[in-house]
Each structure stands twice: as C-alpha cells, then as structure tokens.
Amino acid sequence: MDATVLLVMDVQRGIVEVLLRGLGAGTLVLAGIATSGVVLSTLRQAADLDYRLVVLADACLDADPEVHRVLTEKVFPRQAEVLTVAQWVPPSRDAHLMSPFHPPQDSPRTLGSRPADEKGSP
C-alpha cells in the first residue's frame, strides 16, 4: 500500500531512503525553507528516486520572492504537483498517512509495529 509522508527536510540516500521505503512511502509532500535550496534539491533527488511528489507552495519560502515564484510556477510543476496547503487533501485513513516522526496514534500501522493480522500469540 502506498503511504504518504509529509517531508520537511532533505532526502538523502541512505538511512532516510531506507526509512521511507520501509514505510512504503510512494508519495512525498514537500515544504520548507528555502525554496531554491532544500526544497529544490529534495524535489530533484526524490524525483530521481521515483517518488510521486507534491509541493505545498505556500508552505515554502525563499529569500527572493521571484525565485520562489519561478520555481513553484514553472520548474516544480514539471516533476511535482504544486498545491497550496488548503488545496492539499491528505490521503484517506485507508492510505495510512505516515510520518516517520509522529505516526498517527490510531493508525493500524505505526513504526515498530506489525499489522494486527501479523501478530502472533505471545
């Protein structure tokens, strides 16, 4: 099942990649500072790793507003869906929205747990 991860940091090959793949992440939602720095580099690397990408344009910021505009209106749409926070609709509960930092408490799958049907008797 495809999990969606709200990502606010740079995706680097290695432990973060292993963690995301382990969670079953197929979609990354990007937000951060600076649009021309960490957001751009994360988008490029995540696209190379074949993630589906969503950029929350109004949850990103750059020191140069024109650079932010050009990236979110012209560059990012080539590799990602660009939305506002208000436009973004998180996946349904059935998609198990996951965050490696704060997994939902009522999710049937959280870090370090197995789905109920995989749990054996003690």
Protein backbone atom coordinates (compact mmCIF):
# COMPACT_ATOMS: atom_id res chain seq x y z
CA MET A 1 0.00 0.00 0.00
CA ASP A 2 1.26 3.49 -0.85
CA ALA A 3 1.96 5.65 2.18
CA THR A 4 2.32 9.41 2.00
CA VAL A 5 4.97 11.17 4.02
CA LEU A 6 4.99 14.88 4.77
CA LEU A 7 8.64 15.71 4.34
CA VAL A 8 10.22 18.95 5.52
CA MET A 9 13.86 18.03 5.17
CA ASP A 10 16.30 16.95 2.52
CA VAL A 11 16.00 13.37 1.33
CA GLN A 12 19.44 11.81 1.31
CA ARG A 13 20.41 8.39 0.06
CA GLY A 14 20.99 6.10 2.97
CA ILE A 15 19.06 5.96 6.21
CA VAL A 16 16.26 8.34 5.17
CA GLU A 17 15.76 6.43 1.91
CA VAL A 18 15.66 3.13 3.79
CA LEU A 19 13.20 4.57 6.31
CA LEU A 20 10.89 5.95 3.62
CA ARG A 21 10.95 2.72 1.62
CA GLY A 22 10.38 0.73 4.80
CA LEU A 23 7.27 2.79 5.49
CA GLY A 24 6.04 2.07 1.99
CA ALA A 25 6.22 5.74 1.03
CA GLY A 26 5.34 6.33 -2.58
CA THR A 27 4.39 9.99 -2.24
CA LEU A 28 6.39 12.78 -0.63
CA VAL A 29 4.79 16.11 0.29
CA LEU A 30 7.44 18.82 0.34
CA ALA A 31 7.54 22.04 2.33
CA GLY A 32 10.42 24.08 3.68
CA ILE A 33 12.89 26.91 3.62
CA ALA A 34 14.41 27.74 1.22
CA THR A 35 12.52 27.02 -1.98
CA SER A 36 15.73 27.41 -4.01
CA GLY A 37 17.74 25.31 -1.55
CA VAL A 38 16.47 22.32 0.36
CA VAL A 39 13.08 22.14 -1.41
CA LEU A 40 14.62 22.23 -4.88
CA SER A 41 17.36 19.71 -4.05
CA THR A 42 14.89 17.40 -2.30
CA LEU A 43 12.49 17.54 -5.24
CA ARG A 44 15.25 16.71 -7.74
CA GLN A 45 16.63 13.82 -5.71
CA ALA A 46 13.22 12.41 -4.80
CA ALA A 47 12.14 12.58 -8.46
CA ASP A 48 15.28 10.64 -9.41
CA LEU A 49 14.25 8.04 -6.81
CA ASP A 50 10.81 7.74 -8.47
CA TYR A 51 8.67 9.19 -5.69
CA ARG A 52 5.36 10.87 -6.54
CA LEU A 53 5.82 14.49 -5.39
CA VAL A 54 3.57 17.22 -4.06
CA VAL A 55 4.97 20.67 -3.24
CA LEU A 56 2.97 22.88 -0.89
CA ALA A 57 3.90 26.24 -2.42
CA ASP A 58 2.62 28.39 0.43
CA ALA A 59 4.49 26.23 2.96
CA CYS A 60 7.77 27.06 1.23
CA LEU A 61 9.71 30.32 1.43
CA ASP A 62 12.70 31.82 -0.31
CA ALA A 63 14.68 34.99 0.40
CA ASP A 64 13.92 36.06 -3.18
CA PRO A 65 10.16 36.04 -3.85
CA GLU A 66 10.73 36.00 -7.62
CA VAL A 67 12.87 32.86 -7.39
CA HIS A 68 10.14 31.24 -5.29
CA ARG A 69 7.52 32.19 -7.88
CA VAL A 70 9.54 30.89 -10.84
CA LEU A 71 10.29 27.60 -9.08
CA THR A 72 6.73 26.94 -7.92
CA GLU A 73 5.04 28.11 -11.12
CA LYS A 74 7.45 26.97 -13.84
CA VAL A 75 10.07 24.50 -12.59
CA PHE A 76 8.41 22.32 -9.95
CA PRO A 77 5.26 21.51 -11.99
CA ARG A 78 7.46 19.52 -14.40
CA GLN A 79 8.15 16.96 -11.67
CA ALA A 80 5.54 17.54 -8.97
CA GLU A 81 2.00 18.54 -8.29
CA VAL A 82 2.15 22.07 -6.84
CA LEU A 83 -0.66 22.93 -4.43
CA THR A 84 -1.41 25.24 -1.53
CA VAL A 85 -1.82 23.84 1.96
CA ALA A 86 -5.58 24.47 1.65
CA GLN A 87 -5.73 22.57 -1.65
CA TRP A 88 -3.84 19.55 -0.39
CA VAL A 89 -6.11 16.81 0.80
CA PRO A 90 -4.25 14.24 2.86
CA PRO A 91 -4.95 10.64 1.86
CA SER A 92 -7.86 8.86 3.46
CA ARG A 93 -7.30 6.86 6.62
CA ASP A 94 -7.21 3.79 4.40
CA ALA A 95 -3.97 5.10 2.85
CA HIS A 96 -2.35 5.22 6.32
CA LEU A 97 -0.82 8.70 6.35
CA MET A 98 2.56 8.13 7.91
CA SER A 99 5.19 10.41 9.34
CA PRO A 100 8.47 8.91 10.47
CA PHE A 101 8.46 11.44 13.29
CA HIS A 102 4.87 11.38 14.56
CA PRO A 103 2.90 8.35 13.35
CA PRO A 104 -0.85 8.67 13.89
CA GLN A 105 -1.90 7.10 17.18
CA ASP A 106 -4.97 5.43 15.73
CA SER A 107 -3.22 4.09 12.64
CA PRO A 108 -3.27 0.33 12.29
CA ARG A 109 0.43 0.52 11.37
CA THR A 110 2.97 2.59 13.26
CA LEU A 111 6.75 2.42 13.39
CA GLY A 112 7.93 -0.78 15.04
CA SER A 113 4.55 -2.47 14.96
CA ARG A 114 3.08 -5.17 12.82
CA PRO A 115 -0.42 -5.13 11.40
CA ALA A 116 -2.93 -6.91 13.64
CA ASP A 117 -3.22 -9.87 11.28
CA GLU A 118 0.56 -10.50 11.53
CA LYS A 119 0.74 -10.50 15.33
CA GLY A 120 1.10 -13.92 16.85
CA SER A 121 0.18 -15.03 20.30
CA PRO A 122 2.82 -14.25 22.99
